[in-house]
Protein backbone atom coordinates (compact mmCIF):
# COMPACT_ATOMS: atom_id res chain seq x y z
CA MET A 1 10.37 7.18 9.07
CA ARG A 2 8.53 8.56 12.20
CA GLY A 3 9.97 7.82 15.68
CA ARG A 4 9.32 9.74 18.71
CA GLY A 5 9.40 8.85 22.53
CA LEU A 6 11.20 5.70 22.09
CA THR A 7 11.65 3.37 24.38
CA ALA A 8 15.02 1.70 25.58
CA ALA A 9 15.57 -2.21 24.53
CA VAL A 10 18.14 -4.36 24.90
CA PHE A 11 19.86 -6.14 22.22
CA GLY A 12 18.58 -9.61 23.64
CA ALA A 13 15.27 -8.82 23.20
CA LEU A 14 15.70 -7.94 19.64
CA VAL A 15 15.73 -11.67 18.52
CA VAL A 16 11.97 -13.12 18.66
CA ALA A 17 12.98 -16.43 19.88
CA GLY A 18 12.30 -15.42 23.31
CA CYS A 19 9.11 -13.62 22.27
CA ALA A 20 6.33 -13.82 24.96
CA THR A 21 3.67 -16.33 23.39
CA THR A 22 0.12 -16.51 23.61
CA GLY A 23 -2.32 -19.18 22.99
CA THR A 24 -2.71 -22.60 24.74
CA SER A 25 -1.74 -26.35 23.87
CA ASP A 26 -4.97 -27.74 24.79
CA LYS A 27 -7.32 -29.05 22.08
CA ASP A 28 -10.66 -29.42 21.90
CA GLU A 29 -11.87 -33.00 22.07
CA GLY A 30 -11.43 -34.32 18.58
CA GLU A 31 -10.42 -31.11 17.25
CA ARG A 32 -7.42 -29.85 15.81
CA ILE A 33 -6.25 -26.25 16.88
CA GLY A 34 -5.52 -23.91 14.16
CA ILE A 35 -4.24 -20.54 13.74
CA PRO A 36 -6.97 -17.97 12.62
CA GLU A 37 -6.04 -16.11 9.68
CA ASN A 38 -8.73 -13.48 9.54
CA PRO A 39 -9.74 -12.56 13.41
CA PHE A 40 -10.90 -9.21 12.10
CA PRO A 41 -12.51 -9.63 8.97
CA SER A 42 -13.83 -6.51 6.62
CA THR A 43 -17.41 -5.54 7.28
CA TYR A 44 -17.24 -3.43 4.03
CA GLN A 45 -20.52 -3.02 2.02
CA ARG A 46 -20.62 -1.29 -1.28
CA TYR A 47 -22.14 1.97 -1.27
CA GLY A 48 -25.56 1.95 -3.76
CA GLY A 49 -24.84 3.43 -7.40
CA ALA A 50 -26.41 3.94 -10.57
CA PRO A 51 -25.14 2.60 -13.96
CA VAL A 52 -23.19 4.92 -15.74
CA VAL A 53 -21.97 5.47 -19.35
CA ILE A 54 -19.22 7.86 -20.07
CA THR A 55 -19.07 9.10 -23.66
CA GLY A 56 -16.21 10.93 -26.13
CA VAL A 57 -13.63 10.57 -23.24
CA THR A 58 -10.07 9.73 -23.53
CA ILE A 59 -9.52 6.30 -21.92
CA LEU A 60 -5.87 5.29 -20.31
CA ASP A 61 -6.99 1.84 -19.21
CA GLY A 62 -4.06 1.36 -16.38
CA GLU A 63 -2.44 -1.69 -18.31
CA GLY A 64 -0.93 0.71 -20.89
CA GLY A 65 -3.93 1.13 -23.22
CA ARG A 66 -5.39 4.38 -24.56
CA ILE A 67 -8.92 4.74 -26.16
CA ASP A 68 -9.28 8.43 -27.69
CA ASN A 69 -13.35 9.30 -27.82
CA GLY A 70 -13.99 6.21 -25.98
CA GLN A 71 -16.86 4.93 -24.00
CA ILE A 72 -16.71 3.28 -20.56
CA TRP A 73 -20.15 1.45 -19.06
CA PHE A 74 -20.39 0.29 -15.35
CA ALA A 75 -22.95 -1.27 -13.16
CA ASP A 76 -23.54 -3.25 -10.26
CA GLY A 77 -20.06 -2.54 -9.07
CA LYS A 78 -18.23 -3.97 -11.95
CA ILE A 79 -16.88 -2.41 -15.19
CA GLN A 80 -19.22 -3.84 -17.97
CA ALA A 81 -17.52 -2.80 -21.26
CA VAL A 82 -14.75 -0.46 -22.22
CA GLY A 83 -14.31 0.71 -26.22
CA GLN A 84 -14.87 3.09 -29.01
CA THR A 85 -18.61 2.36 -28.30
CA VAL A 86 -20.55 0.22 -25.72
CA ALA A 87 -23.81 -1.31 -25.92
CA ALA A 88 -25.00 0.23 -22.43
CA PRO A 89 -28.74 -0.24 -22.04
CA ALA A 90 -31.69 2.08 -22.58
CA GLY A 91 -32.17 4.81 -19.53
CA THR A 92 -28.34 4.18 -18.34
CA GLN A 93 -27.05 7.41 -17.19
CA THR A 94 -24.87 9.20 -19.43
CA ILE A 95 -22.21 11.33 -19.03
CA ASP A 96 -20.52 13.63 -21.57
CA GLY A 97 -16.60 13.24 -21.36
CA THR A 98 -15.59 15.37 -24.16
CA GLY A 99 -12.23 16.91 -23.60
CA LYS A 100 -11.76 14.80 -20.41
CA TYR A 101 -10.08 11.74 -19.03
CA VAL A 102 -10.98 8.48 -17.61
CA THR A 103 -8.62 6.42 -15.44
CA PRO A 104 -8.84 3.68 -12.86
CA GLY A 105 -9.13 4.73 -9.65
CA VAL A 106 -5.20 5.62 -8.14
CA ILE A 107 -4.06 3.07 -5.75
CA ASP A 108 -1.11 4.20 -3.43
CA ILE A 109 0.72 1.32 -1.79
CA HIS A 110 2.50 3.37 0.45
CA SER A 111 0.34 5.22 2.86
CA HIS A 112 0.34 6.48 6.55
CA LEU A 113 -3.22 8.08 6.57
CA GLY A 114 -4.96 6.86 9.62
CA ASP A 115 -1.99 5.57 11.63
CA TYR A 116 -0.12 9.09 11.42
CA PRO A 117 -3.70 10.97 11.05
CA SER A 118 -4.12 15.05 10.83
CA PRO A 119 -3.73 16.98 12.94
CA GLY A 120 -0.03 15.78 13.05
CA VAL A 121 0.31 15.74 16.96
CA ALA A 122 2.07 13.43 19.30
CA ALA A 123 -1.32 11.84 20.79
CA HIS A 124 -1.66 10.63 16.96
CA ASP A 125 1.80 9.21 16.47
CA ASP A 126 0.83 5.60 15.93
CA GLY A 127 2.81 3.81 13.35
CA ASN A 128 5.93 2.68 14.92
CA GLU A 129 5.96 0.23 17.95
CA ALA A 130 9.38 1.21 18.38
CA THR A 131 10.20 -0.96 21.24
CA ALA A 132 12.24 -3.74 19.65
CA PRO A 133 13.71 -3.92 16.14
CA ALA A 134 11.39 -7.05 15.61
CA ARG A 135 7.81 -6.62 15.78
CA PRO A 136 5.76 -8.61 13.25
CA GLU A 137 3.17 -8.86 15.81
CA VAL A 138 1.67 -5.46 15.24
CA TRP A 139 -1.13 -4.72 12.64
CA ALA A 140 -1.29 -1.31 11.49
CA GLU A 141 -5.15 -1.45 11.14
CA HIS A 142 -5.20 -1.51 14.97
CA SER A 143 -3.70 2.17 14.77
CA VAL A 144 -6.04 3.33 11.90
CA TRP A 145 -8.13 6.37 12.92
CA PRO A 146 -10.86 6.11 10.24
CA GLN A 147 -11.69 9.91 11.00
CA ASP A 148 -8.54 11.12 9.57
CA PRO A 149 -9.48 13.89 7.06
CA GLY A 150 -6.88 12.71 4.92
CA PHE A 151 -8.71 10.21 3.46
CA SER A 152 -11.15 12.81 1.84
CA ARG A 153 -8.42 14.90 0.57
CA ALA A 154 -6.92 11.92 -1.07
CA LEU A 155 -10.13 10.82 -2.49
CA ALA A 156 -11.19 14.50 -3.86
CA ASN A 157 -7.63 15.70 -4.77
CA GLY A 158 -6.05 12.82 -6.02
CA GLY A 159 -8.71 10.35 -7.09
CA ILE A 160 -7.49 7.64 -4.77
CA THR A 161 -9.56 4.79 -4.28
CA THR A 162 -7.19 2.00 -2.62
CA LEU A 163 -4.54 2.57 -0.05
CA GLN A 164 -2.33 0.25 1.75
CA ILE A 165 -1.54 1.48 5.08
CA LEU A 166 1.90 0.64 6.59
CA PRO A 167 3.74 0.82 9.96
CA GLY A 168 6.48 3.12 10.10
CA SER A 169 9.98 2.02 9.09
CA ALA A 170 11.50 2.53 12.60
CA ASN A 171 12.07 -1.28 12.87
CA LEU A 172 13.61 -4.10 10.81
CA PHE A 173 10.09 -5.90 11.23
CA GLY A 174 7.29 -3.26 11.59
CA GLY A 175 3.97 -5.41 11.50
CA ARG A 176 1.33 -5.82 9.09
CA SER A 177 -0.18 -3.57 6.57
CA VAL A 178 -3.73 -3.40 5.48
CA ILE A 179 -5.47 -2.83 2.47
CA LEU A 180 -8.36 0.05 2.62
CA LYS A 181 -10.91 1.04 0.32
CA ASN A 182 -10.93 4.94 0.44
CA VAL A 183 -14.58 5.00 1.85
CA PRO A 184 -16.16 6.83 5.03
CA ALA A 185 -16.78 4.46 7.61
CA ARG A 186 -17.09 4.23 11.32
CA THR A 187 -14.78 1.43 12.02
CA VAL A 188 -11.08 0.54 10.04
CA GLN A 189 -13.14 -2.91 9.30
CA GLY A 190 -15.50 -1.02 7.23
CA MET A 191 -13.02 0.29 5.16
CA LYS A 192 -10.86 -3.10 4.89
CA PHE A 193 -10.74 -4.49 0.98
CA PRO A 194 -12.33 -7.82 1.53
CA GLY A 195 -9.93 -10.80 0.59
CA ALA A 196 -7.12 -8.32 0.11
CA PRO A 197 -3.85 -10.04 1.36
CA TYR A 198 -1.81 -8.78 4.09
CA GLY A 199 1.87 -7.19 3.71
CA LEU A 200 4.57 -7.27 6.04
CA LYS A 201 6.46 -4.04 6.44
CA MET A 202 10.43 -4.25 6.64
CA ALA A 203 12.94 -2.01 6.61
CA CYS A 204 16.76 -1.61 6.29
CA GLY A 205 19.26 1.21 6.50
CA GLU A 206 19.41 4.00 8.41
CA ASN A 207 16.23 4.31 10.17
CA PRO A 208 16.51 1.12 12.23
CA LYS A 209 20.09 1.79 13.16
CA ARG A 210 19.55 5.35 14.04
CA VAL A 211 16.61 4.34 16.34
CA TYR A 212 18.19 1.48 18.28
CA GLY A 213 21.75 2.50 17.68
CA GLU A 214 21.85 4.04 21.37
CA LYS A 215 19.30 1.47 23.02
CA GLY A 216 21.10 -1.84 22.87
CA GLY A 217 21.43 -2.25 19.36
CA PRO A 218 21.61 -3.26 16.42
CA SER A 219 23.52 -0.35 15.44
CA THR A 220 25.17 -1.20 12.03
CA ARG A 221 23.98 -2.60 8.97
CA MET A 222 25.62 -5.71 9.52
CA GLY A 223 23.96 -5.72 13.06
CA ASN A 224 20.29 -4.96 11.08
CA ILE A 225 21.11 -8.08 8.83
CA ALA A 226 22.21 -10.33 11.61
CA VAL A 227 19.01 -9.79 13.67
CA THR A 228 16.80 -10.34 10.46
CA ARG A 229 18.20 -13.51 9.77
CA GLN A 230 17.95 -15.20 12.98
CA THR A 231 14.50 -13.53 13.20
CA TRP A 232 13.54 -15.60 9.61
CA ILE A 233 15.46 -18.80 11.40
CA ASN A 234 13.12 -18.71 14.10
CA ALA A 235 10.04 -18.32 11.90
CA LYS A 236 11.23 -21.17 9.76
CA ALA A 237 11.55 -23.40 13.19
CA TYR A 238 8.13 -22.22 14.20
CA LYS A 239 6.71 -22.99 10.81
CA ARG A 240 8.03 -26.91 11.08
CA LYS A 241 6.52 -27.25 14.31
CA TRP A 242 2.91 -26.30 12.78
CA ASP A 243 3.66 -28.07 9.75
CA GLU A 244 4.24 -31.32 11.68
CA TYR A 245 1.15 -30.59 13.92
CA GLU A 246 -1.12 -30.08 11.17
CA LYS A 247 0.30 -33.47 9.49
CA ASN A 248 0.77 -35.84 12.54
CA GLY A 249 -1.56 -33.93 15.08
CA GLY A 250 -0.18 -34.47 18.89
CA GLU A 251 0.44 -31.30 21.11
CA ALA A 252 0.03 -28.37 19.38
CA PRO A 253 2.62 -25.79 19.74
CA GLU A 254 1.79 -22.43 21.52
CA GLN A 255 0.86 -19.76 19.31
CA ASP A 256 3.10 -16.52 18.81
CA LEU A 257 1.54 -13.47 17.63
CA ALA A 258 5.01 -12.18 16.00
CA MET A 259 5.72 -16.02 14.35
CA ASP A 260 2.28 -16.11 12.79
CA THR A 261 2.75 -12.98 10.47
CA LEU A 262 6.23 -14.67 9.60
CA LYS A 263 4.89 -17.88 8.79
CA GLY A 264 2.12 -16.10 6.49
CA VAL A 265 4.95 -14.78 4.85
CA LEU A 266 6.96 -18.26 4.38
CA GLU A 267 3.60 -19.48 2.88
CA GLY A 268 3.21 -16.90 0.19
CA LYS A 269 0.07 -15.43 1.97
CA ILE A 270 1.36 -12.14 3.19
CA LEU A 271 3.39 -9.93 0.79
CA VAL A 272 6.56 -8.24 1.72
CA GLN A 273 6.88 -4.37 1.42
CA ASN A 274 10.31 -3.52 2.03
CA HIS A 275 11.81 0.08 2.98
CA CYS A 276 15.12 0.33 1.44
CA TYR A 277 16.85 2.97 -0.21
CA ARG A 278 20.45 1.83 -1.51
CA ALA A 279 20.92 -0.56 -4.34
CA ASP A 280 23.59 -2.52 -2.28
CA GLU A 281 21.03 -3.10 0.39
CA MET A 282 18.38 -3.96 -2.10
CA ALA A 283 20.70 -6.69 -3.32
CA GLN A 284 21.47 -7.89 0.04
CA MET A 285 17.70 -8.09 1.16
CA ILE A 286 17.12 -10.33 -2.11
CA ASP A 287 19.99 -12.51 -0.95
CA LEU A 288 18.54 -12.79 2.21
CA SER A 289 15.09 -13.40 0.92
CA LYS A 290 16.37 -16.62 -1.03
CA GLU A 291 18.20 -17.77 2.01
CA ALA A 292 14.98 -17.63 4.26
CA GLY A 293 12.63 -18.42 1.61
CA TYR A 294 10.22 -15.88 0.75
CA GLN A 295 9.47 -13.58 -2.25
CA ILE A 296 9.70 -9.50 -1.91
CA SER A 297 6.74 -7.85 -3.37
CA ALA A 298 8.26 -4.09 -3.67
CA PHE A 299 10.98 -1.89 -2.54
CA HIS A 300 9.51 1.11 -1.15
CA HIS A 301 11.25 4.69 -1.53
CA ALA A 302 13.88 2.80 -3.71
CA VAL A 303 15.90 5.73 -4.90
CA GLU A 304 18.53 3.88 -6.06
CA SER A 305 16.83 1.17 -7.96
CA TYR A 306 18.01 2.72 -11.33
CA LYS A 307 21.64 0.99 -10.34
CA ILE A 308 20.03 -2.52 -10.08
CA ALA A 309 16.65 -2.57 -12.35
CA ASP A 310 18.14 -5.37 -14.33
CA LEU A 311 18.10 -7.58 -10.74
CA LEU A 312 14.81 -6.32 -9.84
CA ARG A 313 13.05 -7.35 -13.24
CA ALA A 314 15.15 -10.85 -12.84
CA ASN A 315 13.45 -11.48 -9.31
CA GLY A 316 9.95 -10.05 -10.07
CA ILE A 317 10.44 -7.13 -7.54
CA CYS A 318 8.51 -3.90 -7.80
CA SER A 319 10.07 -0.38 -6.92
CA ALA A 320 7.66 2.19 -5.31
CA MET A 321 9.48 5.55 -6.03
CA TRP A 322 9.10 9.26 -5.61
CA ALA A 323 9.45 11.21 -8.93
CA ASP A 324 12.07 13.84 -7.31
CA TRP A 325 11.93 13.29 -3.36
CA TYR A 326 15.51 12.74 -2.15
CA GLY A 327 18.35 13.94 -0.40
CA PHE A 328 17.39 14.46 2.87
CA LYS A 329 19.58 11.94 4.47
CA MET A 330 22.55 10.08 3.33
CA GLU A 331 20.94 7.02 1.98
CA ALA A 332 18.86 9.28 -0.01
CA TYR A 333 21.71 10.88 -1.47
CA ASP A 334 22.55 9.44 -4.69
CA ALA A 335 19.09 9.46 -6.47
CA ILE A 336 18.08 10.95 -9.54
CA PRO A 337 14.70 12.25 -11.26
CA GLU A 338 14.92 9.64 -13.93
CA ASN A 339 14.83 6.69 -11.78
CA ILE A 340 11.25 5.54 -12.21
CA ALA A 341 11.69 6.04 -16.01
CA PHE A 342 15.08 3.95 -15.99
CA VAL A 343 13.55 1.24 -13.98
CA ASP A 344 10.55 0.93 -16.43
CA ARG A 345 12.78 1.00 -19.50
CA ALA A 346 14.75 -2.18 -18.10
CA GLY A 347 11.42 -3.55 -17.94
CA ALA A 348 11.05 -3.88 -13.89
CA CYS A 349 7.95 -3.19 -12.44
CA ALA A 350 7.83 0.57 -11.47
CA ILE A 351 5.07 2.43 -9.01
CA VAL A 352 4.79 5.93 -8.02
CA HIS A 353 3.84 6.14 -4.41
CA SER A 354 3.49 8.75 -1.79
CA ASP A 355 4.45 8.20 2.08
CA ASP A 356 2.95 11.67 2.71
CA PRO A 357 -0.46 13.03 3.36
CA ASN A 358 0.09 15.83 1.03
CA GLY A 359 1.68 13.83 -1.88
CA ILE A 360 -0.82 11.49 -2.12
CA GLN A 361 -2.99 14.32 -3.23
CA ARG A 362 -0.92 14.68 -6.50
CA LEU A 363 0.45 11.32 -7.53
CA ASN A 364 -0.97 12.02 -10.90
CA GLN A 365 1.48 15.25 -11.13
CA GLU A 366 4.11 12.91 -9.51
CA ALA A 367 3.84 10.56 -12.62
CA ALA A 368 3.81 13.48 -14.68
CA LYS A 369 7.38 14.62 -13.45
CA ALA A 370 8.94 11.18 -13.72
CA MET A 371 7.44 10.95 -17.36
CA ALA A 372 8.85 14.30 -18.13
CA ALA A 373 12.39 13.38 -16.82
CA GLY A 374 12.42 10.46 -18.87
CA LYS A 375 11.52 12.20 -22.21
CA ARG A 376 14.29 14.50 -21.31
CA ALA A 377 16.61 11.46 -21.10
CA GLY A 378 15.45 10.24 -24.35
CA ILE A 379 12.99 7.71 -23.14
CA PRO A 380 9.79 8.04 -25.31
CA ILE A 381 7.19 7.31 -22.63
CA THR A 382 3.40 7.59 -23.54
CA GLU A 383 0.64 8.77 -21.05
CA GLU A 384 -0.92 5.46 -21.33
CA HIS A 385 2.21 3.75 -20.24
CA ALA A 386 2.78 6.00 -17.47
CA TRP A 387 -0.47 5.52 -15.91
CA THR A 388 0.58 1.78 -15.13
CA TRP A 389 2.70 3.12 -12.41
CA LEU A 390 -0.65 3.91 -10.84
CA GLY A 391 -2.81 1.48 -12.12
CA ILE A 392 -1.69 -2.05 -12.85
CA ASN A 393 1.66 -2.12 -11.01
CA PRO A 394 0.86 -0.85 -7.56
CA ALA A 395 -2.11 -3.35 -8.06
CA LYS A 396 0.12 -6.40 -8.73
CA ALA A 397 2.43 -5.10 -5.52
CA ILE A 398 -0.61 -5.62 -3.26
CA GLY A 399 -1.98 -9.02 -4.98
CA MET A 400 -4.93 -7.33 -6.14
CA ALA A 401 -4.33 -7.05 -9.72
CA ASP A 402 -7.40 -9.37 -10.47
CA ARG A 403 -9.56 -7.06 -9.16
CA ILE A 404 -8.36 -3.66 -9.37
CA GLY A 405 -5.79 -1.51 -11.44
CA SER A 406 -7.15 -1.35 -14.67
CA LEU A 407 -10.38 -0.46 -16.57
CA LYS A 408 -11.05 -4.22 -17.83
CA ALA A 409 -14.75 -5.75 -18.32
CA GLY A 410 -15.50 -7.75 -14.57
CA LYS A 411 -13.10 -5.88 -12.61
CA ASN A 412 -14.14 -3.20 -9.63
CA ALA A 413 -15.52 -0.44 -11.07
CA ASP A 414 -12.89 2.25 -9.48
CA VAL A 415 -13.28 5.03 -11.90
CA VAL A 416 -11.83 8.62 -12.15
CA LEU A 417 -13.09 11.10 -14.44
CA TRP A 418 -10.99 13.98 -14.47
CA ASN A 419 -11.84 17.51 -15.74
CA GLY A 420 -8.65 17.66 -18.17
CA ASN A 421 -5.29 15.79 -18.87
CA PRO A 422 -4.51 14.20 -15.48
CA PHE A 423 -0.94 15.02 -16.29
CA SER A 424 -1.56 18.97 -15.98
CA THR A 425 -1.04 20.69 -13.06
CA TYR A 426 -4.18 22.35 -13.33
CA THR A 427 -6.16 19.14 -13.72
CA ARG A 428 -8.33 17.66 -10.71
CA PRO A 429 -10.88 14.86 -10.27
CA GLU A 430 -14.25 15.86 -11.32
CA ARG A 431 -15.93 12.56 -10.35
CA VAL A 432 -14.82 9.46 -8.30
CA TRP A 433 -16.66 6.04 -8.29
CA ILE A 434 -15.72 3.12 -5.97
CA ASP A 435 -17.20 0.08 -7.02
CA GLY A 436 -19.38 1.96 -9.05
CA ALA A 437 -20.82 4.24 -6.53
CA LEU A 438 -20.27 8.04 -6.75
CA MET A 439 -18.08 8.85 -3.75
CA TYR A 440 -17.13 12.34 -5.27
CA ASP A 441 -18.48 14.68 -7.36
CA ALA A 442 -16.70 18.01 -7.55
CA ASN A 443 -20.05 19.96 -8.83
CA ASN A 444 -22.04 18.62 -5.77
CA PRO A 445 -20.90 19.58 -2.30
CA ARG A 446 -22.75 16.92 -0.78
CA LEU A 447 -20.40 14.30 -2.30
CA ARG A 448 -17.35 15.00 -0.46
CA PRO A 449 -17.10 13.16 2.51
CA VAL A 450 -16.39 15.08 5.79
CA SER A 451 -15.18 13.07 8.81
CA ASP A 452 -16.68 13.41 12.20
CA PHE A 453 -13.59 15.25 13.23
CA GLU A 454 -14.04 18.23 10.86
CA LEU A 455 -17.49 18.85 11.92
CA GLY A 456 -16.21 20.04 15.46
CA GLN A 457 -17.82 19.88 18.85
CA THR A 458 -20.85 21.56 20.04
CA GLY A 459 -21.91 22.11 23.40
CA GLU A 460 -20.66 23.49 26.82
CA GLY A 461 -18.81 22.23 29.60
CA ASP A 462 -15.14 20.73 29.90
CA VAL A 463 -13.51 18.41 27.47
CA LYS A 464 -10.97 16.16 28.82
């Protein structure tokens, strides 16, 4: 949680029933008013790329499959074939991958790049709208700075091709997340993954009660739950009004940006990404989600997931976890390095995530640590299975498993060629393709994206 310079808010402002509304009840003649679901559409355009076939390489396909001395061919932004041999057309660029590995591009489903960019100064703290515990009306994309140098570091050092940028965890309802492609762009719309669903960042536990405990509440975990429940009650009432209007017409309800987001969750269009550490609180949030009528996509940080792995499996909820980052506050105390392995062994969805601009550069090493901890506990985890924690599982959690997360014919050609075994601390990405376009090449200095910010300033005169 990152919260500084917080503004006081009274408890009565916490419940969204009294939120200021926007919009109008006037209708265009003969037309029904609707809520725009995508007012800021992606303007992403795929970079150009030549057809490529990589031969003699060890392939971890992201879904638990492995091919030794295999081949992968991609062209026109898509993976064309993967196998022991592939029938790439004559003239296709061929790369010898002997002694190297190929994986799908790494997906980090918990990042704050862009809304807490580098350099980490107060002027760049744009991830928490910490003015009231329920702020589902804010959207992370409106804080993202595309010039954050962290994006290129994540690409070059970590093979990160897709990121979910989340608001911080000061609030019970922190706002919408956005899915980005890790490509250079002048605007956040130029990075937005076309067609990707939005997420809703929620939080429970210490962060919201600490931030608001001396500012009018809630100041306890029971207060957190009460405000969260009331907010969902208000959201369901808002949805009923719009459902009635869309069915029967009449006077249109007034639009409320906060309620629009929650309505989207109740309709299954926006995926809930829930910051939560303790097992008992995760169980309570599952109960609350059933009462309110929504599905939790993933618990984030989730250091006690190992205690309720069977419950997570039964409810189809992923856990996005660290390998060994814990103990920095009380709710992060009762963690174990075998957490990821135990969740995985129980048949639940396990994910390795970062929540950190440095950690995002070594998620492959974090997965290696989690795999090693599992093996020490007697759980046989193969390299190809461990890569599901960075591949298909995070793709599922953000609703994108049909397009990314594995090396399957027809999927987006997000591909990383590693210069060795990616579970080694000595291995780095050699080349990274996004939608079949070569975005990073360790052997070509011209193919490391550099933001305008890193280029510095020239000229004379005062800068204000």
